[in-house]
């Protein structure tokens, strides 16, 4: 089917930003960016339609990115085994968004999943762990606590690997701001390669792209949470927003 023009407009804008972000990563030579370019191309393809689950409503946009890999040096801090010299971080991301909710105070995500596998490499082999950030399906009732957006640590990414005395559980699910591929890669770089992350933040193109996604994905989340209390800008005396969240763009 042909995608409606108003939906196609937002898809083309998002495709442009994915391509520009891929080019920014390429500038630093740290990633296989084909999955980003592939996702951008599918957004541009009018025959590729996105619809809300269990409906025929095609007023959505999104992407399914698999195998975006970052190749990063290690900092040598708090790493075991200490023989590991480099990291390979593979990212899979799937999102679906309502095209009408962009840069508003509503949650634009219909679905959101961001998964990583972090592999440490030395001369003897690979070691791995992972984490993921999910959007909980609110139609599913559960006795377990499920913040709508939550992060979970995965100490073992290979079910056949030996766990030794490590306790393996799927809890806790901790609150976390939602991420798409751009906000998510930034989170990964900030934590696993701060030197490269700081260099990227010196690029004006980085902030041009990044601000748009903070505005549409983080602002609704933060304002909705803050709405639990009376809010007045004049009452704010804690000058620490970038210490609370260093990823915030100016």
Protein backbone atom coordinates (compact mmCIF):
# COMPACT_ATOMS: atom_id res chain seq x y z
CA UNK A 1 0.00 0.00 0.00
CA UNK A 2 1.05 3.63 -0.45
CA UNK A 3 1.84 5.51 2.73
CA UNK A 4 -0.23 8.68 3.33
CA UNK A 5 1.66 11.89 2.52
CA UNK A 6 1.52 13.28 6.08
CA UNK A 7 3.00 10.06 7.45
CA UNK A 8 5.61 9.95 4.70
CA UNK A 9 6.80 13.44 5.61
CA UNK A 10 7.75 12.45 9.14
CA UNK A 11 9.30 9.21 7.87
CA UNK A 12 11.53 11.10 5.45
CA UNK A 13 12.66 13.45 8.22
CA UNK A 14 13.53 10.51 10.50
CA UNK A 15 15.32 8.75 7.64
CA UNK A 16 17.45 11.84 7.04
CA UNK A 17 18.42 11.98 10.71
CA UNK A 18 19.33 8.28 10.80
CA UNK A 19 21.57 8.77 7.76
CA UNK A 20 23.22 11.84 9.24
CA UNK A 21 23.78 10.06 12.55
CA UNK A 22 25.32 7.09 10.72
CA UNK A 23 27.68 9.47 8.93
CA UNK A 24 28.66 10.99 12.27
CA UNK A 25 29.54 7.54 13.64
CA UNK A 26 31.47 6.79 10.45
CA UNK A 27 33.54 9.90 11.01
CA UNK A 28 34.92 8.28 14.15
CA UNK A 29 35.37 4.85 12.54
CA UNK A 30 33.75 2.94 15.40
CA UNK A 31 30.75 1.22 13.87
CA UNK A 32 29.34 -0.95 11.14
CA UNK A 33 26.57 1.47 10.20
CA UNK A 34 24.87 -0.55 7.43
CA UNK A 35 21.86 -1.32 9.70
CA UNK A 36 21.24 2.42 10.14
CA UNK A 37 21.39 3.11 6.41
CA UNK A 38 19.14 0.10 5.77
CA UNK A 39 16.55 1.36 8.28
CA UNK A 40 16.65 4.82 6.68
CA UNK A 41 16.09 3.32 3.24
CA UNK A 42 13.04 1.38 4.44
CA UNK A 43 11.59 4.56 5.95
CA UNK A 44 11.94 6.21 2.53
CA UNK A 45 10.25 3.27 0.77
CA UNK A 46 6.55 4.07 0.24
CA UNK A 47 5.74 0.37 -0.09
CA UNK A 48 7.00 -0.29 3.45
CA UNK A 49 4.03 0.43 5.73
CA UNK A 50 3.89 0.46 9.54
CA UNK A 51 0.60 -0.16 11.33
CA UNK A 52 -0.65 -0.31 14.89
CA UNK A 53 -0.82 -3.89 16.19
CA UNK A 54 -4.12 -5.70 15.55
CA UNK A 55 -5.46 -2.81 13.45
CA UNK A 56 -5.39 -1.56 9.87
CA UNK A 57 -4.25 1.87 11.02
CA UNK A 58 -1.09 2.66 9.05
CA UNK A 59 -0.47 6.06 10.65
CA UNK A 60 2.82 4.93 12.19
CA UNK A 61 6.53 5.03 11.59
CA UNK A 62 9.34 2.96 13.01
CA UNK A 63 12.19 0.61 12.25
CA UNK A 64 13.70 -2.74 13.16
CA UNK A 65 17.49 -2.47 13.40
CA UNK A 66 19.55 -5.61 13.92
CA UNK A 67 23.28 -6.00 14.30
CA UNK A 68 24.47 -2.42 14.66
CA UNK A 69 27.94 -3.09 16.07
CA UNK A 70 30.26 -0.68 17.85
CA UNK A 71 33.98 -1.48 18.04
CA UNK A 72 35.47 0.25 21.06
CA UNK A 73 38.77 0.24 22.98
CA UNK A 74 38.56 -0.49 26.69
CA UNK A 75 39.48 2.02 29.36
CA UNK A 76 40.92 -0.67 31.59
CA UNK A 77 38.88 0.37 34.62
CA UNK A 78 36.91 -2.17 36.64
CA UNK A 79 37.13 -4.79 33.88
CA UNK A 80 37.54 -8.47 34.59
CA UNK A 81 39.43 -10.26 33.17
CA UNK A 82 41.90 -7.37 32.99
CA UNK A 83 43.41 -8.86 29.81
CA UNK A 84 40.48 -7.61 27.74
CA UNK A 85 41.66 -4.97 25.27
CA UNK A 86 38.60 -4.18 23.18
CA UNK A 87 34.81 -4.32 23.18
CA UNK A 88 32.26 -5.24 20.53
CA UNK A 89 28.78 -4.01 21.39
CA UNK A 90 25.94 -5.29 19.24
CA UNK A 91 22.65 -3.40 19.34
CA UNK A 92 19.20 -4.49 18.19
CA UNK A 93 16.39 -1.94 18.31
CA UNK A 94 12.74 -2.10 17.35
CA UNK A 95 10.39 0.86 17.69
CA UNK A 96 6.93 1.80 16.51
CA UNK A 97 5.63 5.35 16.93
CA UNK A 98 2.43 7.29 16.37
CA UNK A 99 3.26 9.83 13.67
CA UNK A 100 0.87 12.41 15.14
CA UNK A 101 2.69 12.50 18.48
CA UNK A 102 6.04 14.05 17.79
CA UNK A 103 7.50 16.91 19.81
CA UNK A 104 4.43 16.96 22.08
CA UNK A 105 3.85 16.08 25.73
CA UNK A 106 2.41 12.64 24.88
CA UNK A 107 4.34 9.39 24.66
CA UNK A 108 5.00 8.77 20.94
CA UNK A 109 6.02 5.13 21.41
CA UNK A 110 3.63 2.29 20.69
CA UNK A 111 6.44 -0.26 20.99
CA UNK A 112 10.07 0.13 22.05
CA UNK A 113 12.83 -2.39 22.59
CA UNK A 114 16.57 -1.70 22.83
CA UNK A 115 18.87 -4.67 23.39
CA UNK A 116 22.64 -4.93 23.66
CA UNK A 117 25.24 -7.65 23.91
CA UNK A 118 28.63 -6.43 25.16
CA UNK A 119 31.57 -8.68 24.29
CA UNK A 120 35.01 -8.26 25.81
CA UNK A 121 37.82 -9.70 23.71
CA UNK A 122 41.29 -10.88 24.66
CA UNK A 123 43.76 -13.42 23.27
CA UNK A 124 41.90 -16.36 24.84
CA UNK A 125 38.39 -15.63 23.66
CA UNK A 126 35.23 -13.63 24.34
CA UNK A 127 33.36 -12.70 27.51
CA UNK A 128 29.91 -11.19 27.39
CA UNK A 129 26.99 -9.65 29.20
CA UNK A 130 24.09 -7.47 28.10
CA UNK A 131 21.27 -5.16 29.03
CA UNK A 132 18.02 -4.07 27.50
CA UNK A 133 15.56 -1.21 27.81
CA UNK A 134 11.94 -2.08 27.08
CA UNK A 135 8.50 -0.58 26.94
CA UNK A 136 6.12 -2.78 28.93
CA UNK A 137 2.97 -3.86 27.12
CA UNK A 138 0.32 -2.27 29.32
CA UNK A 139 -2.33 -4.74 28.14
CA UNK A 140 -0.45 -7.56 29.92
CA UNK A 141 -1.23 -7.91 33.61
CA UNK A 142 1.53 -9.21 35.86
CA UNK A 143 2.23 -9.58 39.56
CA UNK A 144 5.78 -8.29 39.03
CA UNK A 145 6.61 -4.61 39.04
CA UNK A 146 6.94 -3.26 35.51
CA UNK A 147 7.77 0.43 35.13
CA UNK A 148 6.48 1.21 31.67
CA UNK A 149 10.06 1.94 30.56
CA UNK A 150 12.66 -0.12 32.38
CA UNK A 151 16.22 -1.36 32.10
CA UNK A 152 17.35 -4.88 32.92
CA UNK A 153 20.88 -6.23 33.24
CA UNK A 154 21.61 -9.58 31.60
CA UNK A 155 24.69 -11.15 33.21
CA UNK A 156 24.59 -14.12 30.82
CA UNK A 157 23.78 -13.67 27.13
CA UNK A 158 24.51 -17.28 26.17
CA UNK A 159 22.21 -19.77 27.98
CA UNK A 160 24.81 -22.55 27.57
CA UNK A 161 27.62 -20.63 29.31
CA UNK A 162 28.71 -21.57 32.80
CA UNK A 163 27.42 -19.28 35.54
CA UNK A 164 29.56 -20.43 38.45
CA UNK A 165 28.36 -18.73 41.62
CA UNK A 166 26.60 -15.92 39.77
CA UNK A 167 22.91 -15.62 40.69
CA UNK A 168 20.85 -15.20 37.52
CA UNK A 169 17.45 -13.46 37.71
CA UNK A 170 15.36 -11.23 35.45
CA UNK A 171 14.95 -8.59 38.18
CA UNK A 172 15.24 -5.81 39.05
CA UNK A 173 13.41 -3.82 36.42
CA UNK A 174 14.55 -0.27 37.07
CA UNK A 175 12.93 2.88 35.72
CA UNK A 176 14.72 4.31 32.73
CA UNK A 177 13.97 6.97 30.17
CA UNK A 178 12.88 5.59 26.79
CA UNK A 179 15.40 5.41 23.95
CA UNK A 180 15.40 5.02 20.21
CA UNK A 181 18.54 4.05 18.30
CA UNK A 182 20.04 7.57 18.51
CA UNK A 183 19.44 8.10 22.23
CA UNK A 184 20.40 4.47 22.89
CA UNK A 185 23.73 4.55 21.05
CA UNK A 186 24.54 7.75 22.91
CA UNK A 187 23.87 5.95 26.20
CA UNK A 188 26.18 3.10 25.18
CA UNK A 189 28.99 5.40 24.09
CA UNK A 190 28.73 7.55 27.22
CA UNK A 191 29.16 4.47 29.41
CA UNK A 192 31.58 2.32 27.42
CA UNK A 193 33.67 4.87 25.50
CA UNK A 194 33.48 8.27 27.23
CA UNK A 195 36.48 9.59 25.26
CA UNK A 196 34.71 9.07 21.92
CA UNK A 197 31.42 10.28 23.41
CA UNK A 198 32.98 13.61 24.44
CA UNK A 199 34.48 14.03 20.96
CA UNK A 200 31.10 13.41 19.35
CA UNK A 201 29.54 16.05 21.58
CA UNK A 202 31.99 18.58 20.13
CA UNK A 203 30.24 18.14 16.77
CA UNK A 204 27.44 20.64 16.08
CA UNK A 205 25.64 18.01 13.98
CA UNK A 206 25.39 15.80 17.06
CA UNK A 207 23.40 18.39 19.00
CA UNK A 208 21.23 19.29 16.00
CA UNK A 209 20.02 15.71 15.76
CA UNK A 210 20.09 14.78 19.43
CA UNK A 211 17.91 17.65 20.66
CA UNK A 212 15.00 16.56 18.47
CA UNK A 213 14.90 13.12 20.05
CA UNK A 214 15.28 14.42 23.58
CA UNK A 215 12.37 16.77 22.97
CA UNK A 216 10.04 14.10 21.60
CA UNK A 217 11.00 11.06 23.71
CA UNK A 218 12.40 12.39 26.99
CA UNK A 219 10.36 15.53 27.56
CA UNK A 220 6.96 13.73 27.76
CA UNK A 221 8.44 11.12 30.11
CA UNK A 222 10.02 13.65 32.48
CA UNK A 223 7.12 16.10 32.48
CA UNK A 224 4.59 13.34 33.11
CA UNK A 225 6.60 12.06 36.07
CA UNK A 226 7.14 15.58 37.44
CA UNK A 227 3.39 16.17 37.23
CA UNK A 228 3.06 14.17 40.45
CA UNK A 229 4.10 17.35 42.24
CA UNK A 230 3.16 21.00 41.98
CA UNK A 231 5.56 22.46 39.45
CA UNK A 232 6.83 26.00 39.14
CA UNK A 233 10.05 26.96 37.39
CA UNK A 234 10.61 29.65 39.96
CA UNK A 235 10.85 27.05 42.73
CA UNK A 236 13.79 25.22 41.19
CA UNK A 237 17.01 25.94 43.07
CA UNK A 238 18.97 22.77 42.27
CA UNK A 239 21.26 23.76 39.42
CA UNK A 240 22.22 20.24 38.48
CA UNK A 241 20.28 19.03 35.45
CA UNK A 242 23.42 18.00 33.54
CA UNK A 243 24.77 16.23 36.62
CA UNK A 244 21.49 14.37 37.02
CA UNK A 245 21.56 13.43 33.35
CA UNK A 246 24.94 14.08 31.65
CA UNK A 247 23.46 12.99 28.31
CA UNK A 248 21.29 16.08 28.08
CA UNK A 249 22.15 18.23 25.09
CA UNK A 250 22.50 21.98 25.61
